[in-house]
N, C-alpha and C. Protein backbone atom coordinates (compact mmCIF):
# COMPACT_ATOMS: atom_id res chain seq x y z
N MET A 1 71.32 77.38 62.52
CA MET A 1 71.23 77.86 61.15
C MET A 1 71.02 76.68 60.22
N PRO A 2 70.23 76.82 59.16
CA PRO A 2 69.96 75.70 58.27
C PRO A 2 71.22 75.24 57.55
N ASN A 3 71.23 74.00 57.20
CA ASN A 3 72.35 73.44 56.45
C ASN A 3 72.23 73.86 55.00
N ARG A 4 73.19 74.62 54.53
CA ARG A 4 73.16 75.08 53.14
C ARG A 4 74.12 74.22 52.34
N ARG A 5 73.62 73.67 51.28
CA ARG A 5 74.44 72.81 50.43
C ARG A 5 74.94 73.58 49.23
N SER A 6 75.91 72.98 48.55
CA SER A 6 76.45 73.64 47.36
C SER A 6 75.42 73.60 46.25
N PRO A 7 75.45 74.57 45.33
CA PRO A 7 74.46 74.62 44.25
C PRO A 7 74.46 73.38 43.38
N LYS A 8 75.63 72.75 43.18
CA LYS A 8 75.68 71.60 42.29
C LYS A 8 74.92 70.41 42.88
N SER A 9 74.97 70.24 44.22
CA SER A 9 74.27 69.10 44.80
C SER A 9 72.77 69.33 44.83
N ASP A 10 72.32 70.60 44.85
CA ASP A 10 70.89 70.88 44.88
C ASP A 10 70.23 70.73 43.53
N SER A 11 71.00 70.86 42.44
CA SER A 11 70.40 70.87 41.11
C SER A 11 69.76 69.53 40.78
N SER A 12 70.22 68.44 41.42
CA SER A 12 69.64 67.14 41.12
C SER A 12 68.36 66.90 41.91
N GLU A 13 68.03 67.81 42.84
CA GLU A 13 66.86 67.61 43.67
C GLU A 13 65.61 68.27 43.10
N VAL A 14 65.66 68.80 41.91
CA VAL A 14 64.49 69.42 41.29
C VAL A 14 63.50 68.31 40.95
N PRO A 15 62.26 68.42 41.40
CA PRO A 15 61.29 67.35 41.13
C PRO A 15 61.13 67.10 39.63
N ARG A 16 60.99 65.84 39.29
CA ARG A 16 60.91 65.44 37.88
C ARG A 16 59.54 65.74 37.27
N HIS A 17 58.53 65.99 38.10
CA HIS A 17 57.20 66.25 37.54
C HIS A 17 57.06 67.65 36.98
N LEU A 18 58.03 68.52 37.25
CA LEU A 18 57.96 69.89 36.72
C LEU A 18 58.51 69.92 35.31
N PRO A 19 57.92 70.73 34.44
CA PRO A 19 58.47 70.85 33.08
C PRO A 19 59.85 71.49 33.13
N VAL A 20 60.64 71.22 32.12
CA VAL A 20 62.02 71.72 32.07
C VAL A 20 62.04 73.25 32.05
N ASN A 21 61.04 73.88 31.47
CA ASN A 21 61.05 75.34 31.37
C ASN A 21 60.29 76.00 32.52
N HIS A 22 60.02 75.29 33.62
CA HIS A 22 59.35 75.86 34.78
C HIS A 22 60.23 76.96 35.37
N TYR A 23 59.69 78.15 35.55
CA TYR A 23 60.47 79.33 35.91
C TYR A 23 61.17 79.17 37.27
N PHE A 24 60.49 78.60 38.26
CA PHE A 24 61.04 78.52 39.60
C PHE A 24 61.72 77.18 39.89
N ARG A 25 62.06 76.39 38.88
CA ARG A 25 62.64 75.07 39.12
C ARG A 25 63.97 75.15 39.84
N PHE A 26 64.72 76.23 39.70
CA PHE A 26 65.99 76.35 40.39
C PHE A 26 65.82 76.92 41.80
N HIS A 27 64.62 77.44 42.12
CA HIS A 27 64.36 77.96 43.45
C HIS A 27 63.88 76.84 44.38
N LEU A 28 63.35 75.77 43.82
CA LEU A 28 62.78 74.70 44.64
C LEU A 28 63.77 74.05 45.60
N PRO A 29 65.03 73.87 45.23
CA PRO A 29 65.96 73.28 46.21
C PRO A 29 66.15 74.15 47.45
N HIS A 30 65.80 75.43 47.38
CA HIS A 30 65.98 76.33 48.51
C HIS A 30 64.71 76.49 49.35
N VAL A 31 63.63 75.82 48.97
CA VAL A 31 62.36 75.96 49.68
C VAL A 31 62.49 75.45 51.11
N HIS A 32 63.30 74.44 51.32
CA HIS A 32 63.43 73.86 52.66
C HIS A 32 64.17 74.78 53.63
N LEU A 33 64.84 75.80 53.13
CA LEU A 33 65.58 76.69 54.00
C LEU A 33 64.61 77.56 54.78
N ALA A 34 64.68 77.48 56.09
CA ALA A 34 63.82 78.31 56.93
C ALA A 34 64.46 79.69 57.05
N SER A 35 63.64 80.68 57.18
CA SER A 35 64.15 82.02 57.37
C SER A 35 64.84 82.10 58.72
N VAL A 36 65.76 83.03 58.87
CA VAL A 36 66.50 83.18 60.12
C VAL A 36 65.55 83.43 61.28
N PHE A 37 64.50 84.20 61.04
CA PHE A 37 63.56 84.54 62.10
C PHE A 37 62.28 83.71 62.03
N GLY A 38 62.27 82.70 61.20
CA GLY A 38 61.10 81.82 61.12
C GLY A 38 60.07 82.33 60.15
N ASP A 39 59.14 81.47 59.87
CA ASP A 39 58.04 81.81 58.97
C ASP A 39 56.70 81.69 59.68
N ASP A 40 56.70 81.91 60.96
CA ASP A 40 55.44 81.83 61.71
C ASP A 40 54.64 83.11 61.54
N TRP A 41 53.48 83.14 62.14
CA TRP A 41 52.55 84.26 61.99
C TRP A 41 53.19 85.56 62.44
N PHE A 42 53.86 85.56 63.60
CA PHE A 42 54.43 86.79 64.13
C PHE A 42 55.51 87.35 63.20
N ALA A 43 56.39 86.46 62.72
CA ALA A 43 57.48 86.93 61.87
C ALA A 43 56.95 87.54 60.58
N LEU A 44 55.94 86.90 60.01
CA LEU A 44 55.38 87.42 58.76
C LEU A 44 54.67 88.76 58.99
N LYS A 45 53.90 88.85 60.08
CA LYS A 45 53.20 90.11 60.37
C LYS A 45 54.18 91.22 60.75
N ALA A 46 55.23 90.87 61.49
CA ALA A 46 56.24 91.87 61.87
C ALA A 46 56.94 92.40 60.63
N GLU A 47 57.26 91.51 59.71
CA GLU A 47 57.91 91.96 58.48
C GLU A 47 56.97 92.85 57.65
N ALA A 48 55.70 92.45 57.57
CA ALA A 48 54.74 93.26 56.82
C ALA A 48 54.59 94.64 57.46
N PHE A 49 54.55 94.69 58.79
CA PHE A 49 54.43 95.96 59.48
C PHE A 49 55.67 96.81 59.26
N ALA A 50 56.85 96.19 59.30
CA ALA A 50 58.10 96.93 59.07
C ALA A 50 58.14 97.49 57.65
N ARG A 51 57.65 96.72 56.71
CA ARG A 51 57.60 97.23 55.33
C ARG A 51 56.60 98.38 55.20
N PHE A 52 55.55 98.36 56.02
CA PHE A 52 54.53 99.40 55.99
C PHE A 52 55.09 100.74 56.49
N PHE A 53 56.12 100.70 57.37
CA PHE A 53 56.70 101.94 57.92
C PHE A 53 57.19 102.89 56.84
N GLY A 54 57.67 102.41 55.75
CA GLY A 54 58.24 103.27 54.73
C GLY A 54 57.28 103.70 53.65
N THR A 55 56.02 103.36 53.76
CA THR A 55 55.07 103.70 52.70
C THR A 55 54.55 105.12 52.87
N PRO A 56 54.14 105.75 51.77
CA PRO A 56 53.55 107.08 51.86
C PRO A 56 52.28 107.11 52.71
N VAL A 57 51.52 106.04 52.69
CA VAL A 57 50.28 105.99 53.49
C VAL A 57 50.62 106.13 54.97
N PHE A 58 51.63 105.39 55.43
CA PHE A 58 52.02 105.48 56.84
C PHE A 58 52.53 106.87 57.17
N LEU A 59 53.41 107.42 56.33
CA LEU A 59 53.99 108.73 56.62
C LEU A 59 52.94 109.84 56.64
N ILE A 60 52.04 109.81 55.70
CA ILE A 60 50.98 110.83 55.65
C ILE A 60 50.04 110.66 56.83
N SER A 61 49.66 109.42 57.13
CA SER A 61 48.75 109.16 58.27
C SER A 61 49.39 109.62 59.57
N GLN A 62 50.67 109.32 59.78
CA GLN A 62 51.35 109.73 61.01
C GLN A 62 51.44 111.25 61.09
N THR A 63 51.72 111.90 59.97
CA THR A 63 51.81 113.36 59.95
C THR A 63 50.47 113.98 60.31
N VAL A 64 49.40 113.46 59.75
CA VAL A 64 48.05 113.99 60.05
C VAL A 64 47.72 113.76 61.52
N LEU A 65 48.02 112.58 62.05
CA LEU A 65 47.72 112.26 63.46
C LEU A 65 48.52 113.17 64.40
N VAL A 66 49.81 113.38 64.11
CA VAL A 66 50.64 114.25 64.96
C VAL A 66 50.14 115.69 64.87
N ALA A 67 49.80 116.14 63.68
CA ALA A 67 49.28 117.52 63.52
C ALA A 67 47.97 117.69 64.30
N PHE A 68 47.10 116.70 64.23
CA PHE A 68 45.84 116.76 64.99
C PHE A 68 46.13 116.75 66.49
N TRP A 69 47.06 115.89 66.94
CA TRP A 69 47.42 115.77 68.35
C TRP A 69 47.92 117.12 68.88
N ILE A 70 48.88 117.71 68.13
CA ILE A 70 49.45 118.98 68.57
C ILE A 70 48.40 120.09 68.50
N GLY A 71 47.63 120.12 67.41
CA GLY A 71 46.60 121.15 67.25
C GLY A 71 45.55 121.08 68.34
N ALA A 72 45.10 119.87 68.68
CA ALA A 72 44.06 119.71 69.71
C ALA A 72 44.59 120.13 71.07
N ASN A 73 45.84 119.83 71.36
CA ASN A 73 46.40 120.18 72.67
C ASN A 73 46.77 121.67 72.76
N VAL A 74 47.25 122.27 71.69
CA VAL A 74 47.59 123.70 71.71
C VAL A 74 46.32 124.54 71.75
N ALA A 75 45.29 124.11 71.02
CA ALA A 75 44.04 124.87 70.98
C ALA A 75 43.26 124.74 72.28
N GLY A 76 43.65 123.82 73.13
CA GLY A 76 42.97 123.66 74.40
C GLY A 76 41.76 122.75 74.32
N LEU A 77 41.57 122.04 73.24
CA LEU A 77 40.44 121.12 73.13
C LEU A 77 40.60 119.94 74.10
N THR A 78 41.82 119.56 74.35
CA THR A 78 42.12 118.50 75.32
C THR A 78 43.26 118.97 76.21
N GLN A 79 43.38 118.35 77.38
CA GLN A 79 44.44 118.72 78.30
C GLN A 79 45.28 117.50 78.70
N PHE A 80 45.21 116.40 77.92
CA PHE A 80 45.92 115.18 78.33
C PHE A 80 47.39 115.21 77.96
N ASP A 81 47.86 116.11 77.06
CA ASP A 81 49.28 116.20 76.71
C ASP A 81 49.58 117.65 76.33
N ILE A 82 49.84 118.49 77.35
CA ILE A 82 50.06 119.90 77.09
C ILE A 82 51.46 120.15 76.56
N TYR A 83 51.81 121.41 76.31
CA TYR A 83 52.90 121.87 75.47
C TYR A 83 54.17 121.02 75.40
N PRO A 84 54.87 120.62 76.36
CA PRO A 84 56.11 119.90 76.00
C PRO A 84 55.82 118.57 75.31
N PHE A 85 54.55 118.18 75.27
CA PHE A 85 54.09 116.96 74.55
C PHE A 85 54.89 115.72 74.98
N ILE A 86 54.93 115.49 76.27
CA ILE A 86 55.66 114.36 76.84
C ILE A 86 55.07 113.04 76.33
N LEU A 87 53.77 112.92 76.28
CA LEU A 87 53.13 111.68 75.84
C LEU A 87 53.42 111.43 74.35
N LEU A 88 53.41 112.47 73.54
CA LEU A 88 53.74 112.33 72.11
C LEU A 88 55.20 111.89 71.95
N ASN A 89 56.09 112.48 72.75
CA ASN A 89 57.50 112.09 72.72
C ASN A 89 57.66 110.62 73.13
N LEU A 90 56.92 110.20 74.13
CA LEU A 90 56.95 108.80 74.57
C LEU A 90 56.44 107.88 73.46
N ALA A 91 55.39 108.31 72.76
CA ALA A 91 54.83 107.51 71.66
C ALA A 91 55.87 107.36 70.52
N PHE A 92 56.55 108.45 70.21
CA PHE A 92 57.59 108.38 69.17
C PHE A 92 58.76 107.49 69.61
N SER A 93 59.14 107.59 70.87
CA SER A 93 60.23 106.75 71.38
C SER A 93 59.84 105.28 71.33
N LEU A 94 58.61 104.99 71.71
CA LEU A 94 58.13 103.61 71.65
C LEU A 94 58.09 103.11 70.21
N GLN A 95 57.62 103.97 69.32
CA GLN A 95 57.58 103.59 67.90
C GLN A 95 59.00 103.33 67.38
N ALA A 96 59.94 104.19 67.73
CA ALA A 96 61.33 104.02 67.28
C ALA A 96 61.94 102.76 67.87
N ALA A 97 61.61 102.45 69.13
CA ALA A 97 62.16 101.26 69.78
C ALA A 97 61.70 99.99 69.08
N TYR A 98 60.49 99.98 68.56
CA TYR A 98 59.99 98.79 67.85
C TYR A 98 60.29 98.85 66.35
N ALA A 99 60.36 100.04 65.79
CA ALA A 99 60.56 100.16 64.35
C ALA A 99 61.96 99.69 63.94
N ALA A 100 62.98 100.06 64.69
CA ALA A 100 64.35 99.69 64.30
C ALA A 100 64.53 98.17 64.23
N PRO A 101 64.16 97.41 65.26
CA PRO A 101 64.33 95.95 65.13
C PRO A 101 63.44 95.34 64.04
N LEU A 102 62.25 95.87 63.86
CA LEU A 102 61.38 95.33 62.82
C LEU A 102 61.94 95.62 61.43
N ILE A 103 62.53 96.78 61.25
CA ILE A 103 63.13 97.10 59.95
C ILE A 103 64.35 96.21 59.72
N LEU A 104 65.15 96.00 60.76
CA LEU A 104 66.28 95.08 60.63
C LEU A 104 65.82 93.67 60.33
N LEU A 105 64.73 93.25 60.96
CA LEU A 105 64.16 91.93 60.69
C LEU A 105 63.76 91.81 59.22
N ALA A 106 63.09 92.83 58.71
CA ALA A 106 62.66 92.80 57.31
C ALA A 106 63.87 92.79 56.37
N GLN A 107 64.90 93.56 56.71
CA GLN A 107 66.09 93.58 55.86
C GLN A 107 66.81 92.24 55.88
N THR A 108 66.90 91.62 57.04
CA THR A 108 67.56 90.32 57.14
C THR A 108 66.79 89.26 56.36
N ARG A 109 65.49 89.26 56.50
CA ARG A 109 64.68 88.28 55.76
C ARG A 109 64.80 88.52 54.25
N GLN A 110 64.82 89.80 53.84
CA GLN A 110 64.98 90.10 52.42
C GLN A 110 66.36 89.68 51.94
N ALA A 111 67.37 89.87 52.77
CA ALA A 111 68.73 89.44 52.39
C ALA A 111 68.78 87.93 52.20
N ASP A 112 68.07 87.18 53.08
CA ASP A 112 68.01 85.72 52.92
C ASP A 112 67.33 85.34 51.60
N ARG A 113 66.24 86.03 51.30
CA ARG A 113 65.53 85.76 50.04
C ARG A 113 66.41 86.12 48.85
N ASP A 114 67.11 87.25 48.93
CA ASP A 114 67.99 87.65 47.84
C ASP A 114 69.11 86.64 47.63
N LYS A 115 69.66 86.11 48.73
CA LYS A 115 70.72 85.11 48.62
C LYS A 115 70.18 83.84 47.97
N ALA A 116 69.01 83.40 48.38
CA ALA A 116 68.41 82.20 47.77
C ALA A 116 68.15 82.42 46.28
N HIS A 117 67.65 83.62 45.94
CA HIS A 117 67.42 83.93 44.52
C HIS A 117 68.73 84.00 43.75
N ALA A 118 69.76 84.57 44.36
CA ALA A 118 71.06 84.65 43.69
C ALA A 118 71.63 83.26 43.47
N ASP A 119 71.48 82.37 44.48
CA ASP A 119 71.94 80.98 44.31
C ASP A 119 71.17 80.29 43.18
N ALA A 120 69.87 80.50 43.17
CA ALA A 120 69.04 79.89 42.11
C ALA A 120 69.41 80.45 40.75
N ASP A 121 69.65 81.75 40.68
CA ASP A 121 70.05 82.35 39.40
C ASP A 121 71.41 81.83 38.94
N ALA A 122 72.33 81.64 39.90
CA ALA A 122 73.64 81.09 39.55
C ALA A 122 73.50 79.67 39.01
N GLN A 123 72.64 78.88 39.65
CA GLN A 123 72.38 77.52 39.16
C GLN A 123 71.78 77.57 37.77
N HIS A 124 70.88 78.51 37.56
CA HIS A 124 70.23 78.64 36.25
C HIS A 124 71.27 78.99 35.18
N ARG A 125 72.14 79.96 35.49
CA ARG A 125 73.18 80.33 34.53
C ARG A 125 74.13 79.16 34.28
N GLU A 126 74.44 78.41 35.33
CA GLU A 126 75.30 77.24 35.19
C GLU A 126 74.64 76.19 34.31
N ALA A 127 73.35 75.97 34.53
CA ALA A 127 72.62 75.00 33.71
C ALA A 127 72.56 75.45 32.25
N LEU A 128 72.39 76.76 32.03
CA LEU A 128 72.39 77.28 30.66
C LEU A 128 73.75 77.09 30.00
N ALA A 129 74.82 77.31 30.77
CA ALA A 129 76.17 77.13 30.22
C ALA A 129 76.41 75.67 29.87
N VAL A 130 75.98 74.76 30.74
CA VAL A 130 76.15 73.33 30.46
C VAL A 130 75.35 72.94 29.22
N ALA A 131 74.11 73.42 29.14
CA ALA A 131 73.27 73.11 27.98
C ALA A 131 73.88 73.67 26.70
N SER A 132 74.42 74.88 26.78
CA SER A 132 75.06 75.48 25.60
C SER A 132 76.28 74.68 25.19
N GLU A 133 77.06 74.25 26.16
CA GLU A 133 78.23 73.44 25.88
C GLU A 133 77.84 72.11 25.23
N GLN A 134 76.77 71.51 25.75
CA GLN A 134 76.29 70.26 25.17
C GLN A 134 75.81 70.47 23.73
N ARG A 135 75.11 71.58 23.50
CA ARG A 135 74.65 71.88 22.13
C ARG A 135 75.83 72.08 21.19
N GLN A 136 76.87 72.78 21.66
CA GLN A 136 78.04 73.00 20.82
C GLN A 136 78.76 71.69 20.52
N THR A 137 78.87 70.82 21.52
CA THR A 137 79.50 69.51 21.31
C THR A 137 78.70 68.69 20.32
N LEU A 138 77.39 68.68 20.49
CA LEU A 138 76.52 67.95 19.57
C LEU A 138 76.62 68.52 18.15
N ALA A 139 76.66 69.84 18.04
CA ALA A 139 76.77 70.47 16.72
C ALA A 139 78.10 70.11 16.06
N SER A 140 79.19 70.08 16.82
CA SER A 140 80.49 69.72 16.22
C SER A 140 80.50 68.25 15.81
N GLN A 141 79.86 67.38 16.61
CA GLN A 141 79.76 65.96 16.24
C GLN A 141 78.94 65.80 14.96
N GLN A 142 77.84 66.51 14.89
CA GLN A 142 76.99 66.42 13.69
C GLN A 142 77.72 66.98 12.47
N THR A 143 78.50 68.04 12.66
CA THR A 143 79.27 68.60 11.55
C THR A 143 80.31 67.59 11.07
N ALA A 144 80.97 66.92 12.01
CA ALA A 144 81.96 65.90 11.63
C ALA A 144 81.28 64.75 10.88
N GLN A 145 80.09 64.35 11.34
CA GLN A 145 79.36 63.29 10.65
C GLN A 145 78.95 63.73 9.25
N LEU A 146 78.54 64.99 9.12
CA LEU A 146 78.16 65.50 7.80
C LEU A 146 79.36 65.52 6.85
N VAL A 147 80.53 65.88 7.36
CA VAL A 147 81.74 65.89 6.53
C VAL A 147 82.05 64.47 6.05
N VAL A 148 81.94 63.49 6.95
CA VAL A 148 82.18 62.10 6.58
C VAL A 148 81.16 61.66 5.53
N LEU A 149 79.89 62.00 5.74
CA LEU A 149 78.85 61.63 4.77
C LEU A 149 79.10 62.29 3.42
N LEU A 150 79.53 63.55 3.43
CA LEU A 150 79.82 64.23 2.16
C LEU A 150 80.99 63.57 1.43
N ARG A 151 82.01 63.16 2.18
CA ARG A 151 83.13 62.45 1.54
C ARG A 151 82.67 61.14 0.92
N LYS A 152 81.87 60.39 1.69
CA LYS A 152 81.37 59.12 1.17
C LYS A 152 80.47 59.35 -0.05
N ASN A 153 79.67 60.40 0.01
CA ASN A 153 78.81 60.72 -1.12
C ASN A 153 79.65 61.07 -2.35
N THR A 154 80.73 61.82 -2.15
CA THR A 154 81.62 62.18 -3.25
C THR A 154 82.28 60.93 -3.83
N GLU A 155 82.73 60.03 -2.94
CA GLU A 155 83.33 58.78 -3.40
C GLU A 155 82.33 57.96 -4.21
N LEU A 156 81.11 57.85 -3.69
CA LEU A 156 80.07 57.10 -4.41
C LEU A 156 79.75 57.74 -5.75
N THR A 157 79.72 59.07 -5.78
CA THR A 157 79.45 59.76 -7.04
C THR A 157 80.56 59.49 -8.05
N GLU A 158 81.81 59.49 -7.60
CA GLU A 158 82.92 59.18 -8.49
C GLU A 158 82.84 57.73 -8.99
N ILE A 159 82.49 56.81 -8.08
CA ILE A 159 82.34 55.40 -8.49
C ILE A 159 81.22 55.26 -9.50
N ILE A 160 80.10 55.94 -9.26
CA ILE A 160 78.98 55.89 -10.21
C ILE A 160 79.40 56.46 -11.56
N LYS A 161 80.17 57.54 -11.54
CA LYS A 161 80.65 58.14 -12.79
C LYS A 161 81.54 57.16 -13.55
N GLU A 162 82.48 56.50 -12.84
CA GLU A 162 83.35 55.52 -13.47
C GLU A 162 82.54 54.35 -14.06
N LEU A 163 81.57 53.88 -13.26
CA LEU A 163 80.74 52.76 -13.73
C LEU A 163 79.90 53.18 -14.94
N SER A 164 79.39 54.39 -14.90
CA SER A 164 78.61 54.88 -16.04
C SER A 164 79.48 54.97 -17.28
N GLN A 165 80.72 55.45 -17.10
CA GLN A 165 81.63 55.52 -18.25
C GLN A 165 81.97 54.12 -18.77
N ARG A 166 82.17 53.16 -17.89
CA ARG A 166 82.44 51.79 -18.31
C ARG A 166 81.24 51.20 -19.05
N ILE A 167 80.04 51.45 -18.50
CA ILE A 167 78.83 50.94 -19.15
C ILE A 167 78.71 51.55 -20.54
N GLU A 168 78.99 52.85 -20.63
CA GLU A 168 78.89 53.53 -21.93
C GLU A 168 79.91 52.94 -22.90
N SER A 169 81.16 52.75 -22.43
CA SER A 169 82.16 52.19 -23.35
C SER A 169 81.82 50.74 -23.72
N LEU A 170 81.31 49.97 -22.78
CA LEU A 170 80.90 48.59 -23.09
C LEU A 170 79.72 48.58 -24.06
N THR A 171 78.81 49.50 -23.87
CA THR A 171 77.66 49.58 -24.77
C THR A 171 78.12 49.93 -26.19
N ARG A 172 79.04 50.87 -26.31
CA ARG A 172 79.56 51.23 -27.64
C ARG A 172 80.30 50.02 -28.26
N GLU A 173 81.08 49.36 -27.41
CA GLU A 173 81.82 48.21 -27.91
C GLU A 173 80.86 47.10 -28.37
N MET A 174 79.85 46.84 -27.58
CA MET A 174 78.86 45.82 -27.95
C MET A 174 78.08 46.25 -29.20
N HIS A 175 77.75 47.52 -29.25
CA HIS A 175 77.03 48.02 -30.41
C HIS A 175 77.89 47.86 -31.66
N GLY A 176 79.18 48.18 -31.53
CA GLY A 176 80.09 48.02 -32.67
C GLY A 176 80.21 46.56 -33.08
N ARG A 177 80.27 45.64 -32.14
CA ARG A 177 80.37 44.21 -32.46
C ARG A 177 79.09 43.71 -33.12
N PHE A 178 77.97 44.15 -32.65
CA PHE A 178 76.71 43.72 -33.27
C PHE A 178 76.62 44.23 -34.70
N LEU A 179 77.07 45.44 -34.91
CA LEU A 179 77.05 45.97 -36.27
C LEU A 179 77.99 45.17 -37.17
N LEU A 180 79.17 44.81 -36.66
CA LEU A 180 80.11 44.00 -37.44
C LEU A 180 79.56 42.60 -37.67
N THR A 181 78.96 42.01 -36.65
CA THR A 181 78.38 40.68 -36.81
C THR A 181 77.20 40.71 -37.77
N GLY A 182 76.45 41.78 -37.71
CA GLY A 182 75.29 41.88 -38.62
C GLY A 182 75.74 42.08 -40.04
N GLN A 183 76.82 42.78 -40.28
CA GLN A 183 77.33 42.99 -41.64
C GLN A 183 77.95 41.69 -42.17
N ASN A 184 78.57 40.93 -41.30
CA ASN A 184 79.17 39.66 -41.73
C ASN A 184 78.12 38.63 -42.07
N THR A 185 77.02 38.61 -41.43
CA THR A 185 75.97 37.65 -41.73
C THR A 185 75.19 38.03 -42.96
N LEU A 186 75.12 39.30 -43.28
CA LEU A 186 74.38 39.75 -44.46
C LEU A 186 75.23 39.58 -45.74
N ALA A 187 76.50 39.73 -45.59
CA ALA A 187 77.36 39.62 -46.77
C ALA A 187 77.67 38.13 -47.01
N PRO A 188 77.31 37.58 -48.24
CA PRO A 188 77.59 36.16 -48.54
C PRO A 188 78.96 35.92 -49.10
């Protein structure tokens, strides 16, 4: 059985050349996992055939073939499988003997794919939670910095107000002195 690692160790193995928003980036660490029954030609064709068993095309085709088989033998058009239909029963038994393992094969392979997708989805949710936590931490840091900046701005505004008031009082005082000095020089 393949060596399955924990989701946290696989998250660092995502290739760096993929964009951050690549949809399958969390599935890539699971690509190396081989299917339980392999990914060779036979396994893929067997799974495809097993999936075909449940389709309406297969069911309708089999029904038409069996109806033709029974109709041809009952009507006497052929004599290769008369009434108890032993050959038809053998064909169904053979089909059932191969269909059950192929269906189980398809279900097992699908279960493996579902597990890999579930692991990838869990990693994706975990990555989203970490990113959200980082955004919240950054937002709280920025809010704290803004509060500090607002305090400093308030302090500077108060200092500017005090300095403006001092300048105004000094200007009035100087203006008053110039007026007094000007009156003293004009009066003999």
